Amino acid sequence: MSDDNMQEHLNSAIYGPPQTKPDERRAYMGSLRERVALQVTNQALADPKRQAQVQPLLKDFHAHGYKALLNGKLDNAITGPYMKMLTDANVPFTLVANETAQTADKAAGLLIVADTAINQSNVDLPPLEQDSEKPKKRGFDFLKSYNQHLPNMTADVLFFAKQIRE
């Protein structure tokens, strides 16, 4: 056995076999980005409005044979409703509680993954639509608010001008 082969064999015995893309595996709870169909962050997972957004997608994921990875380091009050939804939709899931599961807000909380690469371009859950109760300001509406504050600003300017003269 050559020295290079011996060193590789020793390193493999000491540190375990080399892993492909270890940083990517840490970010995607042991899976790879190319296998992810949907990613829900920990912050979005804690938002009850997101449950209604995720639920209709699960039937399609079940039809494709995907499975779910759920962050096991999060509180059961957060993951419990998702476990029920996944069970009801017959999507197999795994609770990941090893070093790849992170508790930061932007870290992955729920991943829907395939066994092979699917290379989906956008895997993030779409943002919620904003409340439509507030009318959008258009055109010169900003001048109305400016004109409302103009008398106060004029009085302040005159006050400071008077102070400077004295």
N, C-alpha and C. Protein backbone atom coordinates (compact mmCIF):
# COMPACT_ATOMS: atom_id res chain seq x y z
N MET A 1 0.84 -1.17 0.00
CA MET A 1 0.00 0.00 0.00
C MET A 1 0.89 1.24 0.00
N SER A 2 0.59 2.20 -0.88
CA SER A 2 1.42 3.41 -0.94
C SER A 2 1.11 4.30 0.25
N ASP A 3 1.98 5.30 0.45
CA ASP A 3 1.80 6.21 1.59
C ASP A 3 0.49 6.99 1.49
N ASP A 4 0.11 7.41 0.26
CA ASP A 4 -1.14 8.16 0.08
C ASP A 4 -2.35 7.31 0.44
N ASN A 5 -2.35 6.07 -0.04
CA ASN A 5 -3.46 5.17 0.28
C ASN A 5 -3.52 4.86 1.77
N MET A 6 -2.36 4.71 2.39
CA MET A 6 -2.31 4.44 3.82
C MET A 6 -2.87 5.62 4.61
N GLN A 7 -2.48 6.84 4.20
CA GLN A 7 -2.96 8.04 4.89
C GLN A 7 -4.48 8.19 4.73
N GLU A 8 -5.01 7.94 3.52
CA GLU A 8 -6.46 7.99 3.29
C GLU A 8 -7.18 6.95 4.14
N HIS A 9 -6.62 5.77 4.23
CA HIS A 9 -7.22 4.70 5.02
C HIS A 9 -7.23 5.07 6.51
N LEU A 10 -6.12 5.63 7.00
CA LEU A 10 -6.06 6.05 8.40
C LEU A 10 -7.04 7.19 8.69
N ASN A 11 -7.08 8.18 7.79
CA ASN A 11 -8.02 9.29 7.97
C ASN A 11 -9.47 8.81 7.98
N SER A 12 -9.77 7.88 7.11
CA SER A 12 -11.12 7.33 7.04
C SER A 12 -11.46 6.57 8.32
N ALA A 13 -10.49 5.86 8.87
CA ALA A 13 -10.72 5.11 10.10
C ALA A 13 -10.88 6.04 11.30
N ILE A 14 -10.12 7.13 11.31
CA ILE A 14 -10.15 8.05 12.45
C ILE A 14 -11.36 8.99 12.37
N TYR A 15 -11.56 9.63 11.21
CA TYR A 15 -12.57 10.68 11.08
C TYR A 15 -13.85 10.22 10.40
N GLY A 16 -13.89 9.01 9.92
CA GLY A 16 -15.05 8.54 9.17
C GLY A 16 -14.86 8.84 7.70
N PRO A 17 -15.72 8.28 6.87
CA PRO A 17 -15.57 8.51 5.43
C PRO A 17 -15.81 9.98 5.08
N PRO A 18 -15.13 10.49 4.06
CA PRO A 18 -15.33 11.90 3.69
C PRO A 18 -16.76 12.14 3.22
N GLN A 19 -17.30 13.31 3.57
CA GLN A 19 -18.67 13.67 3.19
C GLN A 19 -18.65 14.66 2.04
N THR A 20 -19.66 14.55 1.18
CA THR A 20 -19.80 15.53 0.11
C THR A 20 -20.57 16.73 0.64
N LYS A 21 -20.10 17.91 0.34
CA LYS A 21 -20.76 19.17 0.68
C LYS A 21 -21.22 19.23 2.15
N PRO A 22 -20.30 19.20 3.10
CA PRO A 22 -20.71 19.19 4.51
C PRO A 22 -21.46 20.45 4.94
N ASP A 23 -21.09 21.63 4.43
CA ASP A 23 -21.79 22.86 4.79
C ASP A 23 -23.23 22.84 4.31
N GLU A 24 -23.42 22.34 3.10
CA GLU A 24 -24.78 22.24 2.55
C GLU A 24 -25.61 21.24 3.35
N ARG A 25 -25.00 20.17 3.77
CA ARG A 25 -25.73 19.17 4.57
C ARG A 25 -26.11 19.74 5.93
N ARG A 26 -25.27 20.60 6.51
CA ARG A 26 -25.63 21.23 7.78
C ARG A 26 -26.79 22.20 7.60
N ALA A 27 -26.84 22.88 6.47
CA ALA A 27 -27.91 23.86 6.22
C ALA A 27 -29.25 23.19 5.91
N TYR A 28 -29.21 22.00 5.36
CA TYR A 28 -30.44 21.31 4.94
C TYR A 28 -30.67 20.03 5.73
N MET A 29 -30.38 20.04 7.02
CA MET A 29 -30.64 18.95 7.95
C MET A 29 -30.18 17.59 7.43
N GLY A 30 -28.98 17.54 6.89
CA GLY A 30 -28.40 16.29 6.43
C GLY A 30 -28.68 15.98 4.97
N SER A 31 -29.58 16.70 4.35
CA SER A 31 -29.88 16.48 2.94
C SER A 31 -29.08 17.47 2.09
N LEU A 32 -29.29 17.46 0.80
CA LEU A 32 -28.61 18.37 -0.11
C LEU A 32 -29.62 19.32 -0.74
N ARG A 33 -29.18 20.51 -1.10
CA ARG A 33 -30.05 21.52 -1.70
C ARG A 33 -30.72 21.01 -2.96
N GLU A 34 -30.03 20.22 -3.74
CA GLU A 34 -30.56 19.72 -5.01
C GLU A 34 -31.73 18.77 -4.82
N ARG A 35 -31.93 18.27 -3.61
CA ARG A 35 -33.03 17.33 -3.33
C ARG A 35 -34.25 18.01 -2.71
N VAL A 36 -34.14 19.28 -2.34
CA VAL A 36 -35.20 19.97 -1.61
C VAL A 36 -36.27 20.48 -2.56
N ALA A 37 -37.54 20.20 -2.21
CA ALA A 37 -38.69 20.71 -2.96
C ALA A 37 -39.31 21.90 -2.25
N LEU A 38 -39.26 21.93 -0.92
CA LEU A 38 -39.83 23.03 -0.14
C LEU A 38 -39.03 23.20 1.13
N GLN A 39 -38.76 24.47 1.47
CA GLN A 39 -38.09 24.79 2.72
C GLN A 39 -38.94 25.80 3.48
N VAL A 40 -39.21 25.50 4.74
CA VAL A 40 -39.91 26.42 5.63
C VAL A 40 -38.96 26.73 6.78
N THR A 41 -38.70 28.00 7.02
CA THR A 41 -37.76 28.38 8.08
C THR A 41 -38.40 28.17 9.45
N ASN A 42 -37.57 28.18 10.48
CA ASN A 42 -38.07 28.04 11.85
C ASN A 42 -39.03 29.17 12.19
N GLN A 43 -38.71 30.38 11.74
CA GLN A 43 -39.56 31.53 12.01
C GLN A 43 -40.93 31.36 11.35
N ALA A 44 -40.96 30.92 10.11
CA ALA A 44 -42.22 30.71 9.41
C ALA A 44 -42.98 29.53 10.00
N LEU A 45 -42.27 28.54 10.49
CA LEU A 45 -42.91 27.37 11.09
C LEU A 45 -43.69 27.77 12.34
N ALA A 46 -43.20 28.75 13.06
CA ALA A 46 -43.86 29.21 14.29
C ALA A 46 -45.08 30.08 14.00
N ASP A 47 -45.26 30.53 12.77
CA ASP A 47 -46.39 31.39 12.40
C ASP A 47 -47.60 30.53 12.04
N PRO A 48 -48.70 30.62 12.79
CA PRO A 48 -49.88 29.78 12.50
C PRO A 48 -50.47 30.02 11.11
N LYS A 49 -50.27 31.19 10.54
CA LYS A 49 -50.79 31.47 9.20
C LYS A 49 -50.11 30.60 8.14
N ARG A 50 -48.89 30.20 8.41
CA ARG A 50 -48.13 29.39 7.45
C ARG A 50 -48.64 27.96 7.37
N GLN A 51 -49.28 27.47 8.43
CA GLN A 51 -49.82 26.11 8.40
C GLN A 51 -50.84 25.97 7.28
N ALA A 52 -51.71 26.96 7.15
CA ALA A 52 -52.72 26.93 6.08
C ALA A 52 -52.07 27.03 4.71
N GLN A 53 -50.91 27.64 4.64
CA GLN A 53 -50.20 27.77 3.37
C GLN A 53 -49.50 26.47 2.98
N VAL A 54 -49.04 25.71 3.96
CA VAL A 54 -48.31 24.47 3.70
C VAL A 54 -49.25 23.30 3.42
N GLN A 55 -50.37 23.25 4.12
CA GLN A 55 -51.25 22.08 4.07
C GLN A 55 -51.68 21.67 2.66
N PRO A 56 -52.12 22.58 1.78
CA PRO A 56 -52.53 22.13 0.44
C PRO A 56 -51.39 21.57 -0.41
N LEU A 57 -50.17 21.93 -0.09
CA LEU A 57 -49.02 21.46 -0.87
C LEU A 57 -48.66 20.00 -0.56
N LEU A 58 -49.07 19.52 0.60
CA LEU A 58 -48.64 18.20 1.05
C LEU A 58 -49.18 17.06 0.19
N LYS A 59 -50.39 17.19 -0.33
CA LYS A 59 -50.95 16.12 -1.18
C LYS A 59 -50.09 15.93 -2.43
N ASP A 60 -49.65 17.03 -3.00
CA ASP A 60 -48.81 16.96 -4.19
C ASP A 60 -47.46 16.31 -3.87
N PHE A 61 -46.91 16.64 -2.71
CA PHE A 61 -45.63 16.05 -2.31
C PHE A 61 -45.78 14.55 -2.07
N HIS A 62 -46.90 14.14 -1.51
CA HIS A 62 -47.15 12.71 -1.29
C HIS A 62 -47.23 11.98 -2.63
N ALA A 63 -47.88 12.62 -3.61
CA ALA A 63 -48.02 11.99 -4.93
C ALA A 63 -46.67 11.78 -5.61
N HIS A 64 -45.70 12.66 -5.33
CA HIS A 64 -44.37 12.53 -5.92
C HIS A 64 -43.45 11.61 -5.12
N GLY A 65 -43.91 11.15 -3.96
CA GLY A 65 -43.08 10.25 -3.16
C GLY A 65 -42.03 10.96 -2.33
N TYR A 66 -42.21 12.25 -2.07
CA TYR A 66 -41.25 12.99 -1.26
C TYR A 66 -41.46 12.65 0.21
N LYS A 67 -40.45 12.97 1.03
CA LYS A 67 -40.57 12.80 2.47
C LYS A 67 -40.22 14.13 3.13
N ALA A 68 -40.55 14.24 4.40
CA ALA A 68 -40.33 15.49 5.13
C ALA A 68 -39.26 15.29 6.19
N LEU A 69 -38.47 16.35 6.39
CA LEU A 69 -37.52 16.42 7.49
C LEU A 69 -37.99 17.55 8.38
N LEU A 70 -38.28 17.26 9.63
CA LEU A 70 -38.80 18.24 10.57
C LEU A 70 -37.78 18.47 11.67
N ASN A 71 -37.52 19.72 11.99
CA ASN A 71 -36.52 20.07 13.00
C ASN A 71 -36.99 19.60 14.37
N GLY A 72 -36.31 18.62 14.92
CA GLY A 72 -36.67 18.05 16.21
C GLY A 72 -36.19 18.85 17.40
N LYS A 73 -35.40 19.90 17.16
CA LYS A 73 -34.93 20.73 18.26
C LYS A 73 -35.91 21.84 18.61
N LEU A 74 -36.96 21.99 17.80
CA LEU A 74 -37.96 23.01 18.07
C LEU A 74 -38.98 22.48 19.07
N ASP A 75 -39.69 23.39 19.70
CA ASP A 75 -40.70 23.03 20.68
C ASP A 75 -41.82 22.22 20.04
N ASN A 76 -42.38 21.29 20.79
CA ASN A 76 -43.45 20.44 20.28
C ASN A 76 -44.70 21.25 19.92
N ALA A 77 -44.90 22.39 20.56
CA ALA A 77 -46.04 23.24 20.23
C ALA A 77 -45.92 23.78 18.80
N ILE A 78 -44.71 23.91 18.30
CA ILE A 78 -44.48 24.39 16.93
C ILE A 78 -44.55 23.24 15.94
N THR A 79 -43.89 22.14 16.25
CA THR A 79 -43.82 21.03 15.30
C THR A 79 -45.04 20.12 15.33
N GLY A 80 -45.77 20.09 16.43
CA GLY A 80 -46.92 19.21 16.57
C GLY A 80 -47.96 19.34 15.47
N PRO A 81 -48.42 20.56 15.16
CA PRO A 81 -49.41 20.70 14.08
C PRO A 81 -48.89 20.22 12.73
N TYR A 82 -47.61 20.40 12.48
CA TYR A 82 -47.04 19.94 11.21
C TYR A 82 -46.93 18.42 11.17
N MET A 83 -46.62 17.80 12.31
CA MET A 83 -46.59 16.34 12.35
C MET A 83 -47.97 15.77 12.05
N LYS A 84 -49.00 16.42 12.58
CA LYS A 84 -50.37 15.97 12.32
C LYS A 84 -50.72 16.15 10.85
N MET A 85 -50.36 17.29 10.27
CA MET A 85 -50.64 17.53 8.85
C MET A 85 -49.92 16.51 7.97
N LEU A 86 -48.67 16.24 8.29
CA LEU A 86 -47.89 15.28 7.50
C LEU A 86 -48.48 13.88 7.61
N THR A 87 -48.90 13.52 8.81
CA THR A 87 -49.51 12.20 9.01
C THR A 87 -50.83 12.09 8.25
N ASP A 88 -51.66 13.14 8.33
CA ASP A 88 -52.95 13.14 7.63
C ASP A 88 -52.77 13.07 6.12
N ALA A 89 -51.69 13.67 5.60
CA ALA A 89 -51.43 13.66 4.16
C ALA A 89 -50.62 12.44 3.72
N ASN A 90 -50.30 11.55 4.66
CA ASN A 90 -49.51 10.34 4.38
C ASN A 90 -48.13 10.66 3.81
N VAL A 91 -47.54 11.75 4.27
CA VAL A 91 -46.18 12.10 3.88
C VAL A 91 -45.25 11.59 4.99
N PRO A 92 -44.35 10.66 4.69
CA PRO A 92 -43.45 10.17 5.73
C PRO A 92 -42.51 11.28 6.18
N PHE A 93 -42.26 11.34 7.48
CA PHE A 93 -41.38 12.39 7.99
C PHE A 93 -40.41 11.82 9.01
N THR A 94 -39.31 12.56 9.17
CA THR A 94 -38.28 12.22 10.14
C THR A 94 -38.00 13.44 10.98
N LEU A 95 -37.97 13.27 12.29
CA LEU A 95 -37.56 14.35 13.19
C LEU A 95 -36.04 14.35 13.25
N VAL A 96 -35.44 15.46 12.89
CA VAL A 96 -33.98 15.57 12.87
C VAL A 96 -33.56 16.37 14.11
N ALA A 97 -32.85 15.73 15.02
CA ALA A 97 -32.43 16.39 16.25
C ALA A 97 -30.92 16.31 16.44
N ASN A 98 -30.18 16.05 15.38
CA ASN A 98 -28.72 15.96 15.50
C ASN A 98 -28.10 17.35 15.29
N GLU A 99 -26.79 17.38 15.06
CA GLU A 99 -26.08 18.66 14.93
C GLU A 99 -26.49 19.45 13.68
N THR A 100 -27.17 18.83 12.72
CA THR A 100 -27.58 19.56 11.52
C THR A 100 -28.86 20.36 11.74
N ALA A 101 -29.62 20.04 12.78
CA ALA A 101 -30.84 20.80 13.09
C ALA A 101 -30.45 22.03 13.91
N GLN A 102 -30.81 23.20 13.39
CA GLN A 102 -30.43 24.45 14.04
C GLN A 102 -31.68 25.18 14.50
N THR A 103 -31.55 26.02 15.51
CA THR A 103 -32.70 26.72 16.08
C THR A 103 -32.76 28.19 15.69
N ALA A 104 -31.87 28.66 14.85
CA ALA A 104 -31.92 30.06 14.40
C ALA A 104 -33.18 30.30 13.58
N ASP A 105 -33.68 31.54 13.57
CA ASP A 105 -34.92 31.87 12.86
C ASP A 105 -34.87 31.53 11.38
N LYS A 106 -33.74 31.78 10.74
CA LYS A 106 -33.63 31.57 9.29
C LYS A 106 -33.21 30.14 8.92
N ALA A 107 -32.95 29.31 9.91
CA ALA A 107 -32.56 27.92 9.64
C ALA A 107 -33.78 27.12 9.21
N ALA A 108 -33.53 25.97 8.60
CA ALA A 108 -34.61 25.12 8.10
C ALA A 108 -35.37 24.49 9.26
N GLY A 109 -36.69 24.62 9.22
CA GLY A 109 -37.55 23.99 10.21
C GLY A 109 -38.28 22.80 9.64
N LEU A 110 -38.66 22.90 8.36
CA LEU A 110 -39.34 21.82 7.65
C LEU A 110 -38.79 21.78 6.24
N LEU A 111 -38.37 20.61 5.83
CA LEU A 111 -37.90 20.40 4.46
C LEU A 111 -38.69 19.27 3.84
N ILE A 112 -39.14 19.46 2.62
CA ILE A 112 -39.72 18.38 1.83
C ILE A 112 -38.65 18.00 0.83
N VAL A 113 -38.19 16.75 0.90
CA VAL A 113 -37.04 16.33 0.09
C VAL A 113 -37.37 15.08 -0.72
N ALA A 114 -36.63 14.93 -1.80
CA ALA A 114 -36.71 13.74 -2.65
C ALA A 114 -35.50 12.86 -2.36
N ASP A 115 -35.56 11.63 -2.82
CA ASP A 115 -34.43 10.72 -2.64
C ASP A 115 -33.30 11.01 -3.60
N THR A 116 -33.63 11.64 -4.73
CA THR A 116 -32.63 11.97 -5.75
C THR A 116 -32.72 13.47 -6.04
N ALA A 117 -31.80 13.96 -6.83
CA ALA A 117 -31.75 15.38 -7.16
C ALA A 117 -32.96 15.77 -8.02
N ILE A 118 -33.61 16.89 -7.63
CA ILE A 118 -34.72 17.44 -8.43
C ILE A 118 -34.39 18.85 -8.92
N ASN A 119 -33.38 19.48 -8.33
CA ASN A 119 -32.89 20.79 -8.75
C ASN A 119 -33.99 21.81 -8.98
N GLN A 120 -34.84 21.98 -7.99
CA GLN A 120 -35.91 22.99 -8.08
C GLN A 120 -35.30 24.35 -7.79
N SER A 121 -35.61 25.34 -8.63
CA SER A 121 -34.94 26.64 -8.51
C SER A 121 -35.35 27.40 -7.25
N ASN A 122 -36.64 27.46 -6.93
CA ASN A 122 -37.08 28.19 -5.75
C ASN A 122 -37.73 27.21 -4.79
N VAL A 123 -37.13 27.05 -3.63
CA VAL A 123 -37.63 26.09 -2.65
C VAL A 123 -38.26 26.76 -1.44
N ASP A 124 -38.15 28.08 -1.34
CA ASP A 124 -38.67 28.79 -0.18
C ASP A 124 -40.18 28.92 -0.26
N LEU A 125 -40.81 28.90 0.90
CA LEU A 125 -42.24 29.10 1.00
C LEU A 125 -42.53 30.54 0.59
N PRO A 126 -43.49 30.77 -0.32
CA PRO A 126 -43.76 32.14 -0.76
C PRO A 126 -44.20 33.02 0.40
N PRO A 127 -43.89 34.31 0.36
CA PRO A 127 -44.28 35.19 1.45
C PRO A 127 -45.80 35.34 1.51
N LEU A 128 -46.29 35.61 2.70
CA LEU A 128 -47.72 35.83 2.87
C LEU A 128 -48.11 37.15 2.22
N GLU A 129 -49.32 37.20 1.68
CA GLU A 129 -49.81 38.45 1.10
C GLU A 129 -50.07 39.43 2.23
N GLN A 130 -49.70 40.67 2.02
CA GLN A 130 -49.87 41.70 3.03
C GLN A 130 -51.34 42.05 3.18
N ASP A 131 -51.68 42.61 4.33
CA ASP A 131 -53.07 43.01 4.56
C ASP A 131 -53.48 44.04 3.52
N SER A 132 -54.63 43.80 2.91
CA SER A 132 -55.12 44.71 1.87
C SER A 132 -56.01 45.80 2.45
N GLU A 133 -56.08 45.91 3.79
CA GLU A 133 -56.92 46.91 4.43
C GLU A 133 -56.36 48.31 4.23
N LYS A 134 -55.07 48.46 4.21
CA LYS A 134 -54.46 49.77 4.05
C LYS A 134 -54.45 50.15 2.58
N PRO A 135 -55.06 51.28 2.23
CA PRO A 135 -55.02 51.69 0.81
C PRO A 135 -53.61 52.14 0.44
N LYS A 136 -53.23 51.84 -0.77
CA LYS A 136 -51.90 52.23 -1.23
C LYS A 136 -51.91 53.73 -1.54
N LYS A 137 -50.84 54.39 -1.14
CA LYS A 137 -50.71 55.81 -1.46
C LYS A 137 -50.25 55.93 -2.90
N ARG A 138 -50.89 56.85 -3.61
CA ARG A 138 -50.54 57.02 -5.02
C ARG A 138 -50.25 58.50 -5.30
N GLY A 139 -49.45 58.70 -6.29
CA GLY A 139 -49.21 60.05 -6.80
C GLY A 139 -48.65 60.99 -5.76
N PHE A 140 -49.35 62.11 -5.58
CA PHE A 140 -48.87 63.18 -4.72
C PHE A 140 -49.49 63.13 -3.33
N ASP A 141 -49.93 61.97 -2.89
CA ASP A 141 -50.53 61.84 -1.56
C ASP A 141 -49.54 62.22 -0.46
N PHE A 142 -48.25 62.06 -0.73
CA PHE A 142 -47.26 62.40 0.29
C PHE A 142 -47.28 63.90 0.58
N LEU A 143 -47.72 64.72 -0.38
CA LEU A 143 -47.79 66.16 -0.15
C LEU A 143 -48.85 66.52 0.88
N LYS A 144 -49.92 65.74 0.94
CA LYS A 144 -50.97 66.02 1.92
C LYS A 144 -50.41 65.92 3.33
N SER A 145 -49.65 64.88 3.61
CA SER A 145 -49.08 64.74 4.95
C SER A 145 -48.02 65.82 5.19
N TYR A 146 -47.30 66.22 4.15
CA TYR A 146 -46.31 67.27 4.28
C TYR A 146 -46.99 68.60 4.61
N ASN A 147 -48.09 68.89 3.92
CA ASN A 147 -48.81 70.14 4.15
C ASN A 147 -49.42 70.18 5.55
N GLN A 148 -49.79 69.05 6.11
CA GLN A 148 -50.34 69.03 7.46
C GLN A 148 -49.29 69.43 8.49
N HIS A 149 -48.05 69.10 8.24
CA HIS A 149 -46.97 69.40 9.19
C HIS A 149 -46.29 70.73 8.89
N LEU A 150 -46.61 71.36 7.77
CA LEU A 150 -45.95 72.59 7.36
C LEU A 150 -46.12 73.73 8.36
N PRO A 151 -47.33 74.01 8.89
CA PRO A 151 -47.45 75.11 9.85
C PRO A 151 -46.56 74.91 11.07
N ASN A 152 -46.46 73.70 11.58
CA ASN A 152 -45.59 73.44 12.74
C ASN A 152 -44.13 73.67 12.39
N MET A 153 -43.74 73.27 11.20
CA MET A 153 -42.35 73.45 10.79
C MET A 153 -42.05 74.93 10.60
N THR A 154 -42.99 75.69 10.05
CA THR A 154 -42.78 77.12 9.86
C THR A 154 -42.61 77.81 11.20
N ALA A 155 -43.42 77.46 12.18
CA ALA A 155 -43.31 78.06 13.51
C ALA A 155 -41.96 77.72 14.13
N ASP A 156 -41.50 76.50 13.95
CA ASP A 156 -40.20 76.11 14.50
C ASP A 156 -39.07 76.88 13.84
N VAL A 157 -39.14 77.07 12.53
CA VAL A 157 -38.10 77.81 11.81
C VAL A 157 -38.08 79.26 12.28
N LEU A 158 -39.25 79.87 12.43
CA LEU A 158 -39.30 81.26 12.90
C LEU A 158 -38.76 81.37 14.32
N PHE A 159 -39.05 80.41 15.17
CA PHE A 159 -38.56 80.42 16.53
C PHE A 159 -37.03 80.37 16.55
N PHE A 160 -36.44 79.48 15.76
CA PHE A 160 -34.98 79.36 15.73
C PHE A 160 -34.35 80.59 15.08
N ALA A 161 -34.99 81.18 14.08
CA ALA A 161 -34.46 82.39 13.46
C ALA A 161 -34.44 83.54 14.47
N LYS A 162 -35.48 83.62 15.28
CA LYS A 162 -35.56 84.65 16.30
C LYS A 162 -34.46 84.45 17.35
N GLN A 163 -34.20 83.19 17.71
CA GLN A 163 -33.16 82.88 18.69
C GLN A 163 -31.78 83.27 18.17
N ILE A 164 -31.57 83.09 16.88
CA ILE A 164 -30.27 83.40 16.29
C ILE A 164 -30.03 84.91 16.30
N ARG A 165 -31.08 85.69 15.99
CA ARG A 165 -30.93 87.15 15.95
C ARG A 165 -30.63 87.72 17.32
N GLU A 166 -31.11 87.10 18.36
CA GLU A 166 -30.93 87.65 19.72
C GLU A 166 -29.61 87.34 20.31
